[in-house]
Structures are given as structure tokens and as C-alpha cells.
Amino acid sequence: GGSGLALNADVLAADADRDPEGFQRACLVLGGTR
């Protein structure tokens, strides 16, 4: 069983909800693409 929500993903979701620009910037720093 499992949903793919791993470890502190819920905490990161709350952080991204408060700061979506910071979340996007962090993903881009790590080589992410939209």
C-alpha cells in the first residue's frame, strides 16, 4: 500500500501553499522544469 506522499511531503505542501514563488524557485534551482 501507499499513496506516493512520502516523509514530510505534507509539510512541504504547506510551505508551498504559503510561498508558491519560493517553491517554484527552489524547484528551478534543482534543475526542475514546469
PDB file of all heavy atoms in Angstrom:
ATOM      1  N   GLY A   1       0.827  -1.201   0.000  1.00  0.00           N
ATOM      2  CA  GLY A   1       0.000   0.000   0.000  1.00  0.00           C
ATOM      3  C   GLY A   1       0.859   1.248   0.000  1.00  0.00           C
ATOM      4  O   GLY A   1       2.049   1.211   0.269  1.00  0.00           O
ATOM      5  N   GLY A   2       0.247   2.371  -0.270  1.00  0.00           N
ATOM      6  CA  GLY A   2       0.967   3.638  -0.256  1.00  0.00           C
ATOM      7  C   GLY A   2       0.410   4.564  -1.294  1.00  0.00           C
ATOM      8  O   GLY A   2      -0.198   4.144  -2.270  1.00  0.00           O
ATOM      9  N   SER A   3       0.585   5.854  -1.081  1.00  0.00           N
ATOM     10  CA  SER A   3      -0.032   6.846  -1.949  1.00  0.00           C
ATOM     11  C   SER A   3       0.970   7.658  -2.744  1.00  0.00           C
ATOM     12  O   SER A   3       0.597   8.432  -3.616  1.00  0.00           O
ATOM     13  CB  SER A   3      -0.859   7.815  -1.103  1.00  0.00           C
ATOM     14  OG  SER A   3      -0.009   8.549  -0.233  1.00  0.00           O
ATOM     15  N   GLY A   4       2.260   7.534  -2.418  1.00  0.00           N
ATOM     16  CA  GLY A   4       3.245   8.390  -3.060  1.00  0.00           C
ATOM     17  C   GLY A   4       3.495   9.652  -2.277  1.00  0.00           C
ATOM     18  O   GLY A   4       4.346  10.435  -2.648  1.00  0.00           O
ATOM     19  N   LEU A   5       2.753   9.895  -1.176  1.00  0.00           N
ATOM     20  CA  LEU A   5       3.037  11.012  -0.287  1.00  0.00           C
ATOM     21  C   LEU A   5       4.092  10.537   0.692  1.00  0.00           C
ATOM     22  O   LEU A   5       3.807   9.770   1.594  1.00  0.00           O
ATOM     23  CB  LEU A   5       1.776  11.459   0.460  1.00  0.00           C
ATOM     24  CG  LEU A   5       0.628  11.956  -0.403  1.00  0.00           C
ATOM     25  CD1 LEU A   5      -0.579  12.291   0.472  1.00  0.00           C
ATOM     26  CD2 LEU A   5       1.040  13.194  -1.181  1.00  0.00           C
ATOM     27  N   ALA A   6       5.336  10.973   0.509  1.00  0.00           N
ATOM     28  CA  ALA A   6       6.430  10.387   1.279  1.00  0.00           C
ATOM     29  C   ALA A   6       6.960  11.351   2.324  1.00  0.00           C
ATOM     30  O   ALA A   6       7.050  12.553   2.102  1.00  0.00           O
ATOM     31  CB  ALA A   6       7.571   9.987   0.341  1.00  0.00           C
ATOM     32  N   LEU A   7       7.314  10.812   3.473  1.00  0.00           N
ATOM     33  CA  LEU A   7       8.030  11.542   4.506  1.00  0.00           C
ATOM     34  C   LEU A   7       7.338  12.850   4.844  1.00  0.00           C
ATOM     35  O   LEU A   7       6.179  12.854   5.230  1.00  0.00           O
ATOM     36  CB  LEU A   7       9.491  11.738   4.055  1.00  0.00           C
ATOM     37  CG  LEU A   7      10.226  10.436   3.718  1.00  0.00           C
ATOM     38  CD1 LEU A   7      11.558  10.724   3.076  1.00  0.00           C
ATOM     39  CD2 LEU A   7      10.423   9.598   4.958  1.00  0.00           C
ATOM     40  N   ASN A   8       8.034  13.999   4.692  1.00  0.00           N
ATOM     41  CA  ASN A   8       7.456  15.280   5.067  1.00  0.00           C
ATOM     42  C   ASN A   8       6.852  16.016   3.876  1.00  0.00           C
ATOM     43  O   ASN A   8       6.882  17.242   3.804  1.00  0.00           O
ATOM     44  CB  ASN A   8       8.520  16.153   5.743  1.00  0.00           C
ATOM     45  CG  ASN A   8       9.761  16.341   4.880  1.00  0.00           C
ATOM     46  OD1 ASN A   8       9.931  15.663   3.878  1.00  0.00           O
ATOM     47  ND2 ASN A   8      10.620  17.265   5.269  1.00  0.00           N
ATOM     48  N   ALA A   9       6.277  15.289   2.925  1.00  0.00           N
ATOM     49  CA  ALA A   9       5.678  15.938   1.753  1.00  0.00           C
ATOM     50  C   ALA A   9       4.532  16.845   2.158  1.00  0.00           C
ATOM     51  O   ALA A   9       4.316  17.898   1.546  1.00  0.00           O
ATOM     52  CB  ALA A   9       5.201  14.888   0.757  1.00  0.00           C
ATOM     53  N   ASP A  10       3.773  16.469   3.190  1.00  0.00           N
ATOM     54  CA  ASP A  10       2.679  17.320   3.629  1.00  0.00           C
ATOM     55  C   ASP A  10       3.192  18.647   4.180  1.00  0.00           C
ATOM     56  O   ASP A  10       2.573  19.694   3.981  1.00  0.00           O
ATOM     57  CB  ASP A  10       1.844  16.597   4.693  1.00  0.00           C
ATOM     58  CG  ASP A  10       1.038  15.447   4.119  1.00  0.00           C
ATOM     59  OD1 ASP A  10       0.797  15.453   2.896  1.00  0.00           O
ATOM     60  OD2 ASP A  10       0.658  14.543   4.883  1.00  0.00           O
ATOM     61  N   VAL A  11       4.335  18.603   4.877  1.00  0.00           N
ATOM     62  CA  VAL A  11       4.931  19.829   5.390  1.00  0.00           C
ATOM     63  C   VAL A  11       5.385  20.711   4.238  1.00  0.00           C
ATOM     64  O   VAL A  11       5.169  21.931   4.234  1.00  0.00           O
ATOM     65  CB  VAL A  11       6.114  19.514   6.330  1.00  0.00           C
ATOM     66  CG1 VAL A  11       6.796  20.794   6.792  1.00  0.00           C
ATOM     67  CG2 VAL A  11       5.635  18.702   7.528  1.00  0.00           C
ATOM     68  N   LEU A  12       6.010  20.108   3.220  1.00  0.00           N
ATOM     69  CA  LEU A  12       6.431  20.883   2.063  1.00  0.00           C
ATOM     70  C   LEU A  12       5.228  21.470   1.345  1.00  0.00           C
ATOM     71  O   LEU A  12       5.285  22.599   0.847  1.00  0.00           O
ATOM     72  CB  LEU A  12       7.248  20.012   1.104  1.00  0.00           C
ATOM     73  CG  LEU A  12       7.797  20.754  -0.125  1.00  0.00           C
ATOM     74  CD1 LEU A  12       8.784  21.833   0.290  1.00  0.00           C
ATOM     75  CD2 LEU A  12       8.452  19.791  -1.101  1.00  0.00           C
ATOM     76  N   ALA A  13       4.123  20.721   1.284  1.00  0.00           N
ATOM     77  CA  ALA A  13       2.911  21.239   0.645  1.00  0.00           C
ATOM     78  C   ALA A  13       2.429  22.481   1.368  1.00  0.00           C
ATOM     79  O   ALA A  13       2.035  23.478   0.732  1.00  0.00           O
ATOM     80  CB  ALA A  13       1.826  20.163   0.636  1.00  0.00           C
ATOM     81  N   ALA A  14       2.441  22.468   2.696  1.00  0.00           N
ATOM     82  CA  ALA A  14       2.024  23.643   3.459  1.00  0.00           C
ATOM     83  C   ALA A  14       2.963  24.823   3.201  1.00  0.00           C
ATOM     84  O   ALA A  14       2.519  25.970   3.069  1.00  0.00           O
ATOM     85  CB  ALA A  14       1.991  23.305   4.952  1.00  0.00           C
ATOM     86  N   ASP A  15       4.273  24.538   3.115  1.00  0.00           N
ATOM     87  CA  ASP A  15       5.240  25.599   2.797  1.00  0.00           C
ATOM     88  C   ASP A  15       4.982  26.180   1.414  1.00  0.00           C
ATOM     89  O   ASP A  15       5.026  27.403   1.218  1.00  0.00           O
ATOM     90  CB  ASP A  15       6.666  25.054   2.866  1.00  0.00           C
ATOM     91  CG  ASP A  15       7.104  24.693   4.275  1.00  0.00           C
ATOM     92  OD1 ASP A  15       6.451  25.153   5.238  1.00  0.00           O
ATOM     93  OD2 ASP A  15       8.087  23.941   4.415  1.00  0.00           O
ATOM     94  N   ALA A  16       4.733  25.304   0.434  1.00  0.00           N
ATOM     95  CA  ALA A  16       4.486  25.765  -0.929  1.00  0.00           C
ATOM     96  C   ALA A  16       3.186  26.549  -1.021  1.00  0.00           C
ATOM     97  O   ALA A  16       3.062  27.481  -1.827  1.00  0.00           O
ATOM     98  CB  ALA A  16       4.453  24.568  -1.885  1.00  0.00           C
ATOM     99  N   ASP A  17       2.205  26.193  -0.200  1.00  0.00           N
ATOM    100  CA  ASP A  17       0.933  26.914  -0.177  1.00  0.00           C
ATOM    101  C   ASP A  17       1.136  28.347   0.299  1.00  0.00           C
ATOM    102  O   ASP A  17       0.515  29.281  -0.222  1.00  0.00           O
ATOM    103  CB  ASP A  17      -0.038  26.175   0.739  1.00  0.00           C
ATOM    104  CG  ASP A  17      -1.488  26.498   0.433  1.00  0.00           C
ATOM    105  OD1 ASP A  17      -1.847  26.596  -0.758  1.00  0.00           O
ATOM    106  OD2 ASP A  17      -2.270  26.645   1.393  1.00  0.00           O
ATOM    107  N   ARG A  18       2.001  28.514   1.296  1.00  0.00           N
ATOM    108  CA  ARG A  18       2.294  29.849   1.824  1.00  0.00           C
ATOM    109  C   ARG A  18       3.210  30.642   0.905  1.00  0.00           C
ATOM    110  O   ARG A  18       3.127  31.866   0.837  1.00  0.00           O
ATOM    111  CB  ARG A  18       2.944  29.735   3.212  1.00  0.00           C
ATOM    112  CG  ARG A  18       2.021  29.273   4.313  1.00  0.00           C
ATOM    113  CD  ARG A  18       2.689  29.408   5.673  1.00  0.00           C
ATOM    114  NE  ARG A  18       3.859  28.534   5.771  1.00  0.00           N
ATOM    115  CZ  ARG A  18       3.810  27.298   6.264  1.00  0.00           C
ATOM    116  NH1 ARG A  18       2.653  26.790   6.673  1.00  0.00           N
ATOM    117  NH2 ARG A  18       4.905  26.571   6.351  1.00  0.00           N
ATOM    118  N   ASP A  19       4.107  29.930   0.217  1.00  0.00           N
ATOM    119  CA  ASP A  19       5.131  30.616  -0.584  1.00  0.00           C
ATOM    120  C   ASP A  19       5.306  29.901  -1.923  1.00  0.00           C
ATOM    121  O   ASP A  19       6.333  29.265  -2.173  1.00  0.00           O
ATOM    122  CB  ASP A  19       6.457  30.636   0.192  1.00  0.00           C
ATOM    123  CG  ASP A  19       7.563  31.398  -0.517  1.00  0.00           C
ATOM    124  OD1 ASP A  19       7.264  32.126  -1.497  1.00  0.00           O
ATOM    125  OD2 ASP A  19       8.731  31.257  -0.097  1.00  0.00           O
ATOM    126  N   PRO A  20       4.319  30.014  -2.826  1.00  0.00           N
ATOM    127  CA  PRO A  20       4.431  29.309  -4.108  1.00  0.00           C
ATOM    128  C   PRO A  20       5.605  29.789  -4.954  1.00  0.00           C
ATOM    129  O   PRO A  20       6.211  28.998  -5.676  1.00  0.00           O
ATOM    130  CB  PRO A  20       3.094  29.583  -4.785  1.00  0.00           C
ATOM    131  CG  PRO A  20       2.549  30.790  -4.100  1.00  0.00           C
ATOM    132  CD  PRO A  20       3.042  30.729  -2.694  1.00  0.00           C
ATOM    133  N   GLU A  21       5.933  31.084  -4.875  1.00  0.00           N
ATOM    134  CA  GLU A  21       7.078  31.578  -5.642  1.00  0.00           C
ATOM    135  C   GLU A  21       8.373  30.959  -5.138  1.00  0.00           C
ATOM    136  O   GLU A  21       9.252  30.600  -5.928  1.00  0.00           O
ATOM    137  CB  GLU A  21       7.142  33.104  -5.570  1.00  0.00           C
ATOM    138  CG  GLU A  21       6.013  33.804  -6.318  1.00  0.00           C
ATOM    139  CD  GLU A  21       6.179  35.304  -6.321  1.00  0.00           C
ATOM    140  OE1 GLU A  21       7.166  35.807  -5.732  1.00  0.00           O
ATOM    141  OE2 GLU A  21       5.317  35.993  -6.902  1.00  0.00           O
ATOM    142  N   GLY A  22       8.503  30.829  -3.807  1.00  0.00           N
ATOM    143  CA  GLY A  22       9.699  30.195  -3.247  1.00  0.00           C
ATOM    144  C   GLY A  22       9.791  28.734  -3.634  1.00  0.00           C
ATOM    145  O   GLY A  22      10.887  28.223  -3.901  1.00  0.00           O
ATOM    146  N   PHE A  23       8.645  28.058  -3.676  1.00  0.00           N
ATOM    147  CA  PHE A  23       8.631  26.653  -4.092  1.00  0.00           C
ATOM    148  C   PHE A  23       9.075  26.519  -5.544  1.00  0.00           C
ATOM    149  O   PHE A  23       9.912  25.669  -5.877  1.00  0.00           O
ATOM    150  CB  PHE A  23       7.231  26.074  -3.913  1.00  0.00           C
ATOM    151  CG  PHE A  23       7.034  24.722  -4.531  1.00  0.00           C
ATOM    152  CD1 PHE A  23       7.729  23.614  -4.060  1.00  0.00           C
ATOM    153  CD2 PHE A  23       6.173  24.548  -5.594  1.00  0.00           C
ATOM    154  CE1 PHE A  23       7.553  22.358  -4.634  1.00  0.00           C
ATOM    155  CE2 PHE A  23       5.984  23.299  -6.177  1.00  0.00           C
ATOM    156  CZ  PHE A  23       6.678  22.207  -5.696  1.00  0.00           C
ATOM    157  N   GLN A  24       8.550  27.353  -6.401  1.00  0.00           N
ATOM    158  CA  GLN A  24       8.935  27.296  -7.809  1.00  0.00           C
ATOM    159  C   GLN A  24      10.415  27.606  -7.985  1.00  0.00           C
ATOM    160  O   GLN A  24      11.116  26.933  -8.752  1.00  0.00           O
ATOM    161  CB  GLN A  24       8.097  28.291  -8.615  1.00  0.00           C
ATOM    162  CG  GLN A  24       6.626  27.930  -8.685  1.00  0.00           C
ATOM    163  CD  GLN A  24       5.826  28.939  -9.498  1.00  0.00           C
ATOM    164  OE1 GLN A  24       5.911  28.965 -10.730  1.00  0.00           O
ATOM    165  NE2 GLN A  24       5.066  29.783  -8.818  1.00  0.00           N
ATOM    166  N   ARG A  25      10.890  28.608  -7.263  1.00  0.00           N
ATOM    167  CA  ARG A  25      12.307  28.973  -7.363  1.00  0.00           C
ATOM    168  C   ARG A  25      13.197  27.828  -6.917  1.00  0.00           C
ATOM    169  O   ARG A  25      14.214  27.513  -7.555  1.00  0.00           O
ATOM    170  CB  ARG A  25      12.561  30.217  -6.512  1.00  0.00           C
ATOM    171  CG  ARG A  25      14.000  30.738  -6.581  1.00  0.00           C
ATOM    172  CD  ARG A  25      14.143  32.052  -5.824  1.00  0.00           C
ATOM    173  NE  ARG A  25      13.807  31.905  -4.412  1.00  0.00           N
ATOM    174  CZ  ARG A  25      12.712  32.405  -3.848  1.00  0.00           C
ATOM    175  NH1 ARG A  25      11.833  33.076  -4.578  1.00  0.00           N
ATOM    176  NH2 ARG A  25      12.488  32.234  -2.561  1.00  0.00           N
ATOM    177  N   ALA A  26      12.826  27.138  -5.818  1.00  0.00           N
ATOM    178  CA  ALA A  26      13.617  26.022  -5.318  1.00  0.00           C
ATOM    179  C   ALA A  26      13.656  24.879  -6.327  1.00  0.00           C
ATOM    180  O   ALA A  26      14.707  24.269  -6.560  1.00  0.00           O
ATOM    181  CB  ALA A  26      13.044  25.532  -3.986  1.00  0.00           C
ATOM    182  N   CYS A  27      12.515  24.581  -6.937  1.00  0.00           N
ATOM    183  CA  CYS A  27      12.478  23.513  -7.944  1.00  0.00           C
ATOM    184  C   CYS A  27      13.387  23.844  -9.121  1.00  0.00           C
ATOM    185  O   CYS A  27      14.099  22.968  -9.642  1.00  0.00           O
ATOM    186  CB  CYS A  27      11.049  23.293  -8.427  1.00  0.00           C
ATOM    187  SG  CYS A  27       9.967  22.496  -7.222  1.00  0.00           S
ATOM    188  N   LEU A  28      13.398  25.101  -9.550  1.00  0.00           N
ATOM    189  CA  LEU A  28      14.227  25.510 -10.679  1.00  0.00           C
ATOM    190  C   LEU A  28      15.714  25.416 -10.337  1.00  0.00           C
ATOM    191  O   LEU A  28      16.521  25.013 -11.177  1.00  0.00           O
ATOM    192  CB  LEU A  28      13.869  26.936 -11.114  1.00  0.00           C
ATOM    193  CG  LEU A  28      12.472  27.108 -11.716  1.00  0.00           C
ATOM    194  CD1 LEU A  28      12.163  28.589 -11.941  1.00  0.00           C
ATOM    195  CD2 LEU A  28      12.348  26.343 -13.041  1.00  0.00           C
ATOM    196  N   VAL A  29      16.079  25.763  -9.090  1.00  0.00           N
ATOM    197  CA  VAL A  29      17.479  25.657  -8.664  1.00  0.00           C
ATOM    198  C   VAL A  29      17.964  24.213  -8.785  1.00  0.00           C
ATOM    199  O   VAL A  29      19.116  23.958  -9.165  1.00  0.00           O
ATOM    200  CB  VAL A  29      17.648  26.155  -7.211  1.00  0.00           C
ATOM    201  CG1 VAL A  29      19.011  25.761  -6.654  1.00  0.00           C
ATOM    202  CG2 VAL A  29      17.490  27.670  -7.145  1.00  0.00           C
ATOM    203  N   LEU A  30      17.077  23.256  -8.507  1.00  0.00           N
ATOM    204  CA  LEU A  30      17.452  21.842  -8.564  1.00  0.00           C
ATOM    205  C   LEU A  30      17.263  21.243  -9.955  1.00  0.00           C
ATOM    206  O   LEU A  30      17.241  20.019 -10.108  1.00  0.00           O
ATOM    207  CB  LEU A  30      16.640  21.044  -7.541  1.00  0.00           C
ATOM    208  CG  LEU A  30      16.837  21.445  -6.080  1.00  0.00           C
ATOM    209  CD1 LEU A  30      16.120  20.473  -5.159  1.00  0.00           C
ATOM    210  CD2 LEU A  30      18.315  21.513  -5.706  1.00  0.00           C
ATOM    211  N   GLY A  31      17.137  22.107 -10.955  1.00  0.00           N
ATOM    212  CA  GLY A  31      17.065  21.616 -12.326  1.00  0.00           C
ATOM    213  C   GLY A  31      15.680  21.244 -12.790  1.00  0.00           C
ATOM    214  O   GLY A  31      15.524  20.638 -13.857  1.00  0.00           O
ATOM    215  N   GLY A  32      14.637  21.587 -12.001  1.00  0.00           N
ATOM    216  CA  GLY A  32      13.278  21.246 -12.382  1.00  0.00           C
ATOM    217  C   GLY A  32      12.773  22.065 -13.557  1.00  0.00           C
ATOM    218  O   GLY A  32      13.225  23.188 -13.798  1.00  0.00           O
ATOM    219  N   THR A  33      11.833  21.514 -14.290  1.00  0.00           N
ATOM    220  CA  THR A  33      11.170  22.219 -15.388  1.00  0.00           C
ATOM    221  C   THR A  33       9.667  22.088 -15.188  1.00  0.00           C
ATOM    222  O   THR A  33       9.172  21.066 -14.701  1.00  0.00           O
ATOM    223  CB  THR A  33      11.564  21.642 -16.754  1.00  0.00           C
ATOM    224  OG1 THR A  33      11.303  20.221 -16.775  1.00  0.00           O
ATOM    225  CG2 THR A  33      13.043  21.868 -17.039  1.00  0.00           C
ATOM    226  N   ARG A  34       8.930  23.139 -15.554  1.00  0.00           N
ATOM    227  CA  ARG A  34       7.490  23.141 -15.350  1.00  0.00           C
ATOM    228  C   ARG A  34       6.820  22.025 -16.139  1.00  0.00           C
ATOM    229  O   ARG A  34       7.199  21.706 -17.271  1.00  0.00           O
ATOM    230  CB  ARG A  34       6.894  24.483 -15.761  1.00  0.00           C
ATOM    231  CG  ARG A  34       7.106  25.605 -14.757  1.00  0.00           C
ATOM    232  CD  ARG A  34       6.438  25.338 -13.421  1.00  0.00           C
ATOM    233  NE  ARG A  34       5.016  25.129 -13.530  1.00  0.00           N
ATOM    234  CZ  ARG A  34       4.114  26.100 -13.448  1.00  0.00           C
ATOM    235  NH1 ARG A  34       4.497  27.357 -13.271  1.00  0.00           N
ATOM    236  NH2 ARG A  34       2.826  25.819 -13.546  1.00  0.00           N
TER     237      ARG A  34
END
